[in-house]
Amino acid sequence: MTANPARTAAPDDGYDLIGVGIGPFNLSLAALADGVPGLRTLFLDARPAFSWHPGLLMEGTVLQVPFLADLATMADPTSPWTFLNYLRAHGRLFPFFFAERFHIPRREYDHYCRWVAESLPSCRFDARVTAVEWDERQAVFAVTHRNAAGATERVTARQVVLGVGTEPVVPEPLRALLADPAHRGRVLHSADFRTHREELASAADVTVIGAGQSGAEVLLDLLRRQDGDGRGGPYVRWLARTPAFAPMEYSKIGLEHFTPDYIRYFRSLPETRREELVRSQWQLYKGVSGDTLGEIHDELYERTIGGGRPRAGLHPGTELTDVRPEGGGYLLRCRNVDQGGEFTLRTEAVVAATGYAARRPDCLEPLAGLVDWDAKGRYRVDGGYRVALDPRVTGALYVQNAEMHTHGVGAPDLTLGAWRAATILNAVAGRDVVPVPDRASWTTFGVPAAAPAGGIAVPAPARPADPVGSRT
């Protein structure tokens, strides 16, 4: 199902909204905005087509959130761009029904998003944004982008939303090696694992660093490349600074940290407390699926049949302090976090499954002097995801997945993607295009309202979005 092609034409007086980057979050906004009367939107991405974490799209890997956390359902289940309508459009509703799957394959989620991106006329690929500027005379943002052939175009909008995604985080001891082409395929981030999967499977010894889902999936994939008796394939080692290879929080009440209610509570806290919470809540967003941990255990258990031993080592509480090339491989210097003792390991390849972090895109540099950065160079983001700017800028700049420091651990989670997109869309449109709930959790975060007789507290009304420029 495709939208009205007439909306592809650029209006003479500019757009209402331009999105920079087309990942799942900006794609969600594009999907919810599609068909809104009088709203003119354009979304730009440098890549030739939509692609979601291609380096980790291994067979058998599944999304860590239910399929309902698609691009639209949690905000508007009647949208034509839901996952269920994708299944219908591809003649797969009955197979999906019989499969009884709440968590879908990652490869299927990627294909679903690609279908939406290719169907929406507001999404334009092969369009690298090179500059976002504020045109004070016309009171609009000017966005310059370049296509694959090198031709440039300048478009304008009253409002811009940045959805440029995150970039891989690499431990300091590995950065120089990973940047050196001589070590390509042997020292890499997990974002490139699928590209070098066969090379790694043929190595004698591979070390995976990072206790999150990506590290667990890389480890499991390499374990499965070993022969049934465990003698073939690489020896696989798993290192992590965390005290345990722990499951991600997935209890029904625990998941209420991924609700608008928790975001409002988190925003009310002092900055120092917010940063402490994000560090302490790592199992909410950096843990491993219990199913994946179970599959790893099953693979290791199989190796012990008949008195064998797994060709694998699991080392939590371990920090990588230094890496040196040696004898065609690498010498890793490590430190046990609890004991303080140091030890060395030799390996042929290293995969850093060490996560991602928000980045400031180069195209924002012309606007950087008008952004009210915090003391750590991060965006100041209000409750409606609007970035604080110089008062001379009368347009609005929004961000998606760059606000964990202000909104909490739900920022990168797909569960809140459609809700956040709807929140931004309503602000852009100046009306409630997609109503969002005031309350979504059973949990009362923070001090409750005074309890009447019977001890039942009356929920406080939803706190309105902070004014632009708030430093709380």
Protein backbone atom coordinates (compact mmCIF):
# COMPACT_ATOMS: atom_id res chain seq x y z
CA MET A 1 0.00 0.00 0.00
CA THR A 2 1.44 3.36 -0.99
CA ALA A 3 0.52 6.90 -0.11
CA ASN A 4 -0.63 9.65 -2.45
CA PRO A 5 2.22 10.36 -4.94
CA ALA A 6 1.06 13.97 -5.19
CA ARG A 7 2.70 14.66 -1.86
CA THR A 8 6.18 13.97 -3.26
CA ALA A 9 6.42 17.40 -4.88
CA ALA A 10 8.31 20.03 -2.89
CA PRO A 11 6.04 22.94 -2.01
CA ASP A 12 7.04 26.37 -3.23
CA ASP A 13 7.06 27.81 0.29
CA GLY A 14 9.01 24.98 1.89
CA TYR A 15 8.13 22.06 4.12
CA ASP A 16 6.58 21.99 7.55
CA LEU A 17 9.12 19.39 8.68
CA ILE A 18 12.35 17.93 7.33
CA GLY A 19 13.80 14.82 8.91
CA VAL A 20 17.54 14.17 8.76
CA GLY A 21 18.21 10.44 8.79
CA ILE A 22 15.79 7.57 8.14
CA GLY A 23 16.25 4.98 10.84
CA PRO A 24 13.31 3.34 12.64
CA PHE A 25 12.57 6.44 14.73
CA ASN A 26 12.37 9.01 11.94
CA LEU A 27 10.67 6.40 9.77
CA SER A 28 8.03 6.08 12.49
CA LEU A 29 7.50 9.84 12.34
CA ALA A 30 7.26 9.72 8.54
CA ALA A 31 4.70 6.90 8.77
CA LEU A 32 2.51 8.70 11.31
CA ALA A 33 2.74 11.97 9.36
CA ASP A 34 1.70 10.31 6.10
CA GLY A 35 -1.76 11.42 5.08
CA VAL A 36 -2.09 14.22 7.65
CA PRO A 37 -4.00 16.97 5.81
CA GLY A 38 -1.98 20.07 5.09
CA LEU A 39 1.28 18.70 6.55
CA ARG A 40 4.28 18.74 4.21
CA THR A 41 7.20 16.55 5.21
CA LEU A 42 10.48 15.33 3.73
CA PHE A 43 12.91 12.79 5.17
CA LEU A 44 16.48 12.49 3.87
CA ASP A 45 19.10 9.76 4.25
CA ALA A 46 22.55 9.32 2.72
CA ARG A 47 22.23 5.56 2.27
CA PRO A 48 20.92 4.09 -1.01
CA ALA A 49 18.09 2.29 0.84
CA PHE A 50 16.82 1.57 4.33
CA SER A 51 19.04 -0.79 6.32
CA TRP A 52 18.84 -1.60 10.04
CA HIS A 53 21.99 -2.97 11.74
CA PRO A 54 22.94 -5.12 8.72
CA GLY A 55 26.04 -6.44 10.48
CA LEU A 56 23.87 -8.25 13.05
CA LEU A 57 21.08 -9.64 10.88
CA MET A 58 22.02 -13.27 11.45
CA GLU A 59 19.52 -16.05 10.92
CA GLY A 60 17.75 -16.93 14.16
CA THR A 61 18.17 -13.55 15.86
CA VAL A 62 14.96 -11.93 17.06
CA LEU A 63 13.80 -8.48 18.07
CA GLN A 64 13.94 -7.90 21.83
CA VAL A 65 10.58 -6.14 21.87
CA PRO A 66 7.19 -7.52 20.77
CA PHE A 67 6.08 -6.92 17.18
CA LEU A 68 3.53 -4.37 18.46
CA ALA A 69 6.49 -2.01 19.00
CA ASP A 70 6.51 -1.37 15.27
CA LEU A 71 6.56 2.00 13.54
CA ALA A 72 2.96 2.91 14.30
CA THR A 73 0.89 0.53 16.43
CA MET A 74 1.67 1.90 19.90
CA ALA A 75 0.51 5.33 18.72
CA ASP A 76 -2.00 4.52 15.98
CA PRO A 77 -2.96 0.85 15.42
CA THR A 78 -5.24 1.94 12.54
CA SER A 79 -2.27 3.19 10.50
CA PRO A 80 -1.61 1.46 7.16
CA TRP A 81 2.04 1.20 8.20
CA THR A 82 1.69 -1.30 11.06
CA PHE A 83 3.54 -4.61 11.07
CA LEU A 84 0.25 -6.50 10.78
CA ASN A 85 -0.64 -4.59 7.62
CA TYR A 86 2.82 -5.40 6.28
CA LEU A 87 2.04 -9.09 6.79
CA ARG A 88 -1.30 -8.63 5.05
CA ALA A 89 0.33 -6.84 2.10
CA HIS A 90 2.78 -9.73 1.72
CA GLY A 91 0.23 -12.52 2.12
CA ARG A 92 1.75 -13.74 5.39
CA LEU A 93 -0.95 -13.16 7.99
CA PHE A 94 -1.92 -16.82 8.29
CA PRO A 95 1.67 -18.13 8.57
CA PHE A 96 2.38 -15.49 11.22
CA PHE A 97 -0.79 -16.44 13.11
CA PHE A 98 0.15 -20.11 13.14
CA ALA A 99 3.73 -19.32 14.15
CA GLU A 100 2.42 -17.79 17.40
CA ARG A 101 5.40 -15.45 17.63
CA PHE A 102 5.36 -12.32 19.76
CA HIS A 103 9.01 -11.56 18.99
CA ILE A 104 9.79 -11.48 15.29
CA PRO A 105 13.07 -12.17 13.46
CA ARG A 106 15.32 -9.16 13.09
CA ARG A 107 15.57 -9.82 9.38
CA GLU A 108 11.79 -9.56 9.15
CA TYR A 109 11.73 -6.27 11.06
CA ASP A 110 14.36 -4.91 8.67
CA HIS A 111 12.29 -6.00 5.66
CA TYR A 112 9.15 -4.46 7.17
CA CYS A 113 10.88 -1.11 7.70
CA ARG A 114 12.27 -1.24 4.17
CA TRP A 115 8.75 -1.81 2.80
CA VAL A 116 7.48 1.26 4.65
CA ALA A 117 10.45 3.41 3.60
CA GLU A 118 10.07 2.43 -0.07
CA SER A 119 6.32 3.07 0.05
CA LEU A 120 6.36 6.52 1.63
CA PRO A 121 6.88 9.34 -0.90
CA SER A 122 8.24 11.57 1.86
CA CYS A 123 11.34 9.36 2.24
CA ARG A 124 14.26 10.15 -0.03
CA PHE A 125 17.47 8.09 -0.05
CA ASP A 126 20.82 8.82 -1.70
CA ALA A 127 20.41 12.27 -0.17
CA ARG A 128 23.33 13.14 2.10
CA VAL A 129 22.55 16.19 4.23
CA THR A 130 25.63 18.41 4.26
CA ALA A 131 24.35 21.44 6.15
CA VAL A 132 21.48 22.54 8.39
CA GLU A 133 21.39 26.32 8.78
CA TRP A 134 19.04 28.91 10.22
CA ASP A 135 17.93 31.50 7.68
CA GLU A 136 17.03 34.40 9.96
CA ARG A 137 15.67 36.56 7.13
CA GLN A 138 13.12 33.96 6.02
CA ALA A 139 12.73 32.44 9.52
CA VAL A 140 13.26 28.89 8.23
CA PHE A 141 15.84 26.13 8.45
CA ALA A 142 17.77 25.67 5.22
CA VAL A 143 18.81 22.07 4.61
CA THR A 144 21.36 21.33 1.90
CA HIS A 145 21.73 17.78 0.65
CA ARG A 146 23.71 16.05 -2.09
CA ASN A 147 22.67 13.04 -4.18
CA ALA A 148 24.85 10.13 -5.31
CA ALA A 149 25.75 11.95 -8.54
CA GLY A 150 27.04 14.96 -6.60
CA ALA A 151 24.18 17.34 -7.42
CA THR A 152 23.10 19.53 -4.49
CA GLU A 153 19.67 20.85 -3.51
CA ARG A 154 18.58 23.33 -0.86
CA VAL A 155 15.20 22.87 0.81
CA THR A 156 13.61 24.76 3.68
CA ALA A 157 11.35 23.92 6.60
CA ARG A 158 9.90 25.55 9.67
CA GLN A 159 11.00 22.57 11.76
CA VAL A 160 13.72 19.89 11.61
CA VAL A 161 14.02 16.56 13.41
CA LEU A 162 17.38 14.82 13.75
CA GLY A 163 17.22 11.04 13.61
CA VAL A 164 20.77 10.29 12.53
CA GLY A 165 21.17 7.29 14.79
CA THR A 166 24.11 6.34 16.92
CA GLU A 167 27.70 5.35 16.20
CA PRO A 168 29.69 2.36 17.48
CA VAL A 169 31.53 2.76 20.78
CA VAL A 170 35.02 1.21 20.75
CA PRO A 171 37.17 0.64 23.88
CA GLU A 172 40.23 2.90 23.90
CA PRO A 173 42.77 0.02 23.67
CA LEU A 174 41.19 -1.09 20.36
CA ARG A 175 40.66 2.24 18.60
CA ALA A 176 43.99 2.53 16.79
CA LEU A 177 43.86 -1.09 15.60
CA LEU A 178 40.27 -0.84 14.43
CA ALA A 179 41.09 2.28 12.41
CA ASP A 180 44.11 0.58 10.77
CA PRO A 181 43.19 -1.19 7.47
CA ALA A 182 45.92 -3.76 8.18
CA HIS A 183 43.74 -5.23 10.94
CA ARG A 184 40.44 -5.16 9.05
CA GLY A 185 38.40 -8.30 9.64
CA ARG A 186 40.45 -9.26 12.70
CA VAL A 187 39.68 -6.27 14.95
CA LEU A 188 36.16 -4.99 14.43
CA HIS A 189 32.99 -3.71 16.04
CA SER A 190 30.02 -6.06 16.14
CA ALA A 191 28.26 -3.67 13.73
CA ASP A 192 30.46 -5.26 11.03
CA PHE A 193 30.26 -8.84 12.28
CA ARG A 194 28.16 -10.25 9.43
CA THR A 195 30.56 -8.78 6.86
CA HIS A 196 33.50 -10.71 8.37
CA ARG A 197 31.56 -13.67 9.74
CA GLU A 198 33.23 -16.32 7.57
CA GLU A 199 36.74 -15.05 8.28
CA LEU A 200 36.08 -15.14 12.02
CA ALA A 201 34.58 -18.63 11.84
CA SER A 202 37.83 -19.89 10.29
CA ALA A 203 40.05 -18.35 12.99
CA ALA A 204 41.50 -20.54 15.71
CA ASP A 205 40.64 -18.16 18.56
CA VAL A 206 38.16 -15.25 18.73
CA THR A 207 37.55 -12.92 21.67
CA VAL A 208 34.21 -11.15 22.02
CA ILE A 209 34.06 -8.09 24.30
CA GLY A 210 30.78 -6.81 25.72
CA ALA A 211 28.04 -8.36 27.87
CA GLY A 212 25.00 -7.11 25.94
CA GLN A 213 22.74 -8.76 23.41
CA SER A 214 25.10 -8.18 20.48
CA GLY A 215 28.01 -9.82 22.29
CA ALA A 216 25.83 -12.80 23.23
CA GLU A 217 24.61 -13.23 19.65
CA VAL A 218 28.12 -13.04 18.21
CA LEU A 219 29.34 -15.59 20.76
CA LEU A 220 26.42 -17.92 20.05
CA ASP A 221 26.91 -17.69 16.28
CA LEU A 222 30.60 -18.59 16.61
CA LEU A 223 29.85 -21.44 19.02
CA ARG A 224 27.49 -22.90 16.44
CA ARG A 225 30.32 -22.82 13.89
CA GLN A 226 32.20 -25.35 15.98
CA ASP A 227 31.91 -29.02 14.99
CA GLY A 228 29.51 -31.16 16.96
CA ASP A 229 32.36 -32.58 19.02
CA GLY A 230 33.61 -29.06 19.76
CA ARG A 231 37.05 -29.60 18.20
CA GLY A 232 36.52 -27.67 14.95
CA GLY A 233 35.80 -23.98 14.61
CA PRO A 234 37.23 -21.19 16.75
CA TYR A 235 37.82 -21.22 20.46
CA VAL A 236 35.47 -18.46 21.62
CA ARG A 237 36.11 -16.21 24.60
CA TRP A 238 33.61 -13.74 26.11
CA LEU A 239 34.89 -10.81 28.19
CA ALA A 240 32.85 -8.11 29.92
CA ARG A 241 33.32 -5.48 32.62
CA THR A 242 29.87 -6.16 34.09
CA PRO A 243 29.86 -8.41 37.16
CA ALA A 244 27.77 -11.02 35.34
CA PHE A 245 26.39 -12.05 31.97
CA ALA A 246 22.97 -11.00 33.16
CA PRO A 247 19.50 -11.23 31.62
CA MET A 248 17.75 -8.11 30.50
CA GLU A 249 14.94 -6.95 32.78
CA TYR A 250 11.78 -8.35 31.22
CA SER A 251 9.25 -8.54 34.05
CA LYS A 252 5.85 -7.02 33.40
CA ILE A 253 6.21 -4.38 36.10
CA GLY A 254 9.90 -3.79 35.41
CA LEU A 255 9.08 -2.91 31.81
CA GLU A 256 7.08 0.07 33.03
CA HIS A 257 10.38 1.96 32.98
CA PHE A 258 9.63 2.17 29.24
CA THR A 259 6.51 4.30 29.60
CA PRO A 260 5.78 8.03 29.33
CA ASP A 261 5.14 7.99 33.10
CA TYR A 262 8.73 7.04 33.85
CA ILE A 263 10.06 9.60 31.38
CA ARG A 264 8.17 12.38 33.21
CA TYR A 265 9.54 11.16 36.55
CA PHE A 266 13.09 10.87 35.22
CA ARG A 267 12.94 14.39 33.80
CA SER A 268 11.98 15.76 37.20
CA LEU A 269 15.24 14.54 38.77
CA PRO A 270 18.48 16.54 39.13
CA GLU A 271 21.02 15.93 36.37
CA THR A 272 23.49 14.17 38.70
CA ARG A 273 20.80 11.72 39.84
CA ARG A 274 19.71 11.07 36.26
CA GLU A 275 23.24 10.12 35.28
CA GLU A 276 23.58 7.82 38.29
CA LEU A 277 20.33 6.08 37.38
CA VAL A 278 21.31 5.49 33.75
CA ARG A 279 24.54 3.83 34.88
CA SER A 280 22.81 1.67 37.48
CA GLN A 281 19.97 0.59 35.18
CA TRP A 282 22.17 -1.20 32.66
CA GLN A 283 20.10 -4.39 32.87
CA LEU A 284 17.10 -2.48 31.60
CA TYR A 285 18.73 -1.87 28.23
CA LYS A 286 22.14 -3.60 28.11
CA GLY A 287 21.32 -7.06 29.42
CA VAL A 288 20.89 -10.21 27.34
CA SER A 289 17.67 -11.94 26.40
CA GLY A 290 17.04 -14.86 28.75
CA ASP A 291 16.39 -17.05 25.70
CA THR A 292 19.79 -16.20 24.20
CA LEU A 293 21.56 -16.98 27.47
CA GLY A 294 19.68 -20.26 27.56
CA GLU A 295 20.78 -21.13 24.02
CA ILE A 296 24.42 -20.37 24.92
CA HIS A 297 24.14 -22.65 27.94
CA ASP A 298 22.62 -25.41 25.80
CA GLU A 299 25.48 -25.18 23.29
CA LEU A 300 28.05 -25.41 26.08
CA TYR A 301 26.18 -28.29 27.70
CA GLU A 302 26.23 -30.25 24.45
CA ARG A 303 30.01 -29.99 24.40
CA THR A 304 30.29 -31.87 27.74
CA ILE A 305 28.58 -35.04 26.51
CA GLY A 306 30.99 -37.98 26.79
CA GLY A 307 33.38 -36.09 29.04
CA GLY A 308 34.22 -33.27 26.64
CA ARG A 309 34.88 -29.66 27.55
CA PRO A 310 33.52 -26.58 25.80
CA ARG A 311 36.02 -24.72 23.64
CA ALA A 312 34.87 -21.47 25.16
CA GLY A 313 35.65 -19.20 28.08
CA LEU A 314 33.31 -16.78 29.84
CA HIS A 315 34.96 -14.02 31.86
CA PRO A 316 32.69 -11.42 33.50
CA GLY A 317 34.13 -8.65 35.66
CA THR A 318 37.03 -8.29 33.22
CA GLU A 319 38.35 -5.01 31.86
CA LEU A 320 40.51 -4.78 28.74
CA THR A 321 43.44 -2.49 29.49
CA ASP A 322 45.79 -2.95 26.54
CA VAL A 323 46.03 -4.71 23.15
CA ARG A 324 49.20 -5.38 21.17
CA PRO A 325 49.66 -7.17 17.85
CA GLU A 326 51.86 -10.21 18.34
CA GLY A 327 52.74 -13.18 16.13
CA GLY A 328 49.89 -12.74 13.67
CA GLY A 329 47.41 -12.33 16.52
CA TYR A 330 46.88 -10.09 19.52
CA LEU A 331 48.02 -10.04 23.12
CA LEU A 332 45.25 -8.79 25.39
CA ARG A 333 46.10 -7.40 28.80
CA CYS A 334 43.14 -7.68 31.16
CA ARG A 335 42.27 -6.80 34.73
CA ASN A 336 39.74 -8.44 37.02
CA VAL A 337 37.52 -5.62 38.27
CA ASP A 338 36.82 -7.17 41.68
CA GLN A 339 40.19 -8.72 42.52
CA GLY A 340 42.37 -6.18 40.75
CA GLY A 341 44.59 -8.96 39.41
CA GLU A 342 45.97 -8.70 35.88
CA PHE A 343 46.40 -11.43 33.26
CA THR A 344 47.12 -11.75 29.53
CA LEU A 345 45.36 -13.65 26.76
CA ARG A 346 46.33 -14.43 23.17
CA THR A 347 43.76 -14.37 20.41
CA GLU A 348 43.58 -14.20 16.62
CA ALA A 349 40.64 -11.81 16.38
CA VAL A 350 38.68 -9.38 18.54
CA VAL A 351 35.02 -8.39 18.16
CA ALA A 352 34.01 -5.34 20.21
CA ALA A 353 30.29 -5.71 20.97
CA THR A 354 30.51 -2.57 23.06
CA GLY A 355 27.38 -0.74 22.04
CA TYR A 356 26.56 2.60 20.47
CA ALA A 357 26.36 6.25 21.51
CA ALA A 358 24.54 9.31 20.22
CA ARG A 359 26.55 11.50 17.87
CA ARG A 360 26.48 15.08 16.68
CA PRO A 361 26.19 15.03 12.89
CA ASP A 362 28.64 17.12 10.86
CA CYS A 363 25.76 18.73 9.00
CA LEU A 364 24.75 20.50 12.22
CA GLU A 365 27.97 22.51 12.46
CA PRO A 366 26.52 25.64 10.77
CA LEU A 367 23.86 25.64 13.50
CA ALA A 368 26.12 24.61 16.40
CA GLY A 369 26.63 28.16 17.66
CA LEU A 370 22.86 28.56 18.07
CA VAL A 371 22.36 25.36 20.07
CA ASP A 372 22.26 25.64 23.86
CA TRP A 373 24.60 22.74 24.65
CA ASP A 374 24.91 21.46 28.21
CA ALA A 375 28.23 21.34 30.08
CA LYS A 376 29.08 17.99 28.44
CA GLY A 377 28.30 19.12 24.92
CA ARG A 378 24.92 17.38 24.76
CA TYR A 379 21.58 18.71 23.61
CA ARG A 380 19.29 20.26 26.20
CA VAL A 381 16.00 18.57 25.34
CA ASP A 382 12.61 19.50 26.74
CA GLY A 383 9.71 17.17 27.50
CA GLY A 384 8.49 17.42 23.90
CA TYR A 385 11.92 16.41 22.45
CA ARG A 386 12.66 19.97 21.32
CA VAL A 387 16.26 21.17 21.51
CA ALA A 388 16.98 24.44 23.31
CA LEU A 389 18.20 27.03 20.81
CA ASP A 390 19.20 30.67 20.74
CA PRO A 391 16.07 32.86 21.04
CA ARG A 392 16.79 34.23 17.55
CA VAL A 393 15.81 30.82 16.15
CA THR A 394 12.04 30.80 15.98
CA GLY A 395 11.83 27.39 14.31
CA ALA A 396 11.95 24.11 16.21
CA LEU A 397 14.71 21.48 16.20
CA TYR A 398 13.83 18.03 17.58
CA VAL A 399 15.97 14.95 18.27
CA GLN A 400 15.23 11.24 18.43
CA ASN A 401 17.48 8.80 20.31
CA ALA A 402 19.90 11.46 21.49
CA GLU A 403 18.25 12.22 24.82
CA MET A 404 19.03 9.40 27.23
CA HIS A 405 20.65 11.94 29.56
CA THR A 406 17.37 13.88 29.79
CA HIS A 407 14.70 11.21 29.20
CA GLY A 408 16.19 7.98 30.55
CA VAL A 409 16.80 4.45 29.35
CA GLY A 410 13.77 4.40 27.05
CA ALA A 411 15.47 6.71 24.53
CA PRO A 412 16.95 3.95 22.31
CA ASP A 413 14.13 1.46 22.91
CA LEU A 414 11.74 0.68 20.06
CA THR A 415 8.84 0.37 22.52
CA LEU A 416 8.59 4.15 22.88
CA GLY A 417 9.45 4.97 19.26
CA ALA A 418 5.91 5.50 17.96
CA TRP A 419 4.86 7.37 21.12
CA ARG A 420 7.80 9.76 20.84
CA ALA A 421 7.16 10.24 17.11
CA ALA A 422 3.51 11.03 17.85
CA THR A 423 4.56 13.54 20.52
CA ILE A 424 6.80 15.33 18.02
CA LEU A 425 4.19 15.11 15.26
CA ASN A 426 1.55 16.77 17.45
CA ALA A 427 3.96 19.60 18.25
CA VAL A 428 4.86 20.06 14.57
CA ALA A 429 1.21 20.07 13.50
CA GLY A 430 0.13 22.30 16.37
CA ARG A 431 -2.72 19.96 17.25
CA ASP A 432 -3.33 16.41 18.46
CA VAL A 433 -2.99 14.50 15.20
CA VAL A 434 -2.29 11.29 17.10
CA PRO A 435 -3.52 11.37 20.72
CA VAL A 436 -0.99 10.07 23.25
CA PRO A 437 -1.88 8.68 26.69
CA ASP A 438 -1.43 10.69 29.86
CA ARG A 439 -0.89 7.58 31.95
CA ALA A 440 0.47 4.19 30.85
CA SER A 441 1.81 2.41 33.93
CA TRP A 442 0.54 0.88 37.16
CA THR A 443 3.69 2.04 38.92
CA THR A 444 3.73 5.40 40.67
CA PHE A 445 7.17 6.87 40.09
CA GLY A 446 8.13 9.43 42.69
CA VAL A 447 6.15 10.90 45.57
CA PRO A 448 2.43 10.01 45.24
CA ALA A 449 -0.40 12.43 45.71
CA ALA A 450 -2.00 12.50 49.15
CA ALA A 451 -3.83 9.25 49.80
CA PRO A 452 -7.51 9.53 50.76
CA ALA A 453 -9.31 7.12 53.09
CA GLY A 454 -8.57 3.57 52.05
CA GLY A 455 -4.96 4.36 51.21
CA ILE A 456 -5.45 4.70 47.45
CA ALA A 457 -3.41 7.58 46.11
CA VAL A 458 -4.97 9.82 43.49
CA PRO A 459 -2.65 10.01 40.45
CA ALA A 460 -1.28 13.47 39.86
CA PRO A 461 -2.19 15.02 36.50
CA ALA A 462 0.35 14.62 33.70
CA ARG A 463 3.08 17.25 33.86
CA PRO A 464 3.13 19.39 30.70
CA ALA A 465 6.18 19.47 28.50
CA ASP A 466 8.92 21.74 29.77
CA PRO A 467 9.34 25.07 28.01
CA VAL A 468 12.09 25.22 25.42
CA GLY A 469 15.39 26.13 27.05
CA SER A 470 14.66 24.45 30.37
CA ARG A 471 17.84 23.37 32.11
CA THR A 472 16.18 20.93 34.50
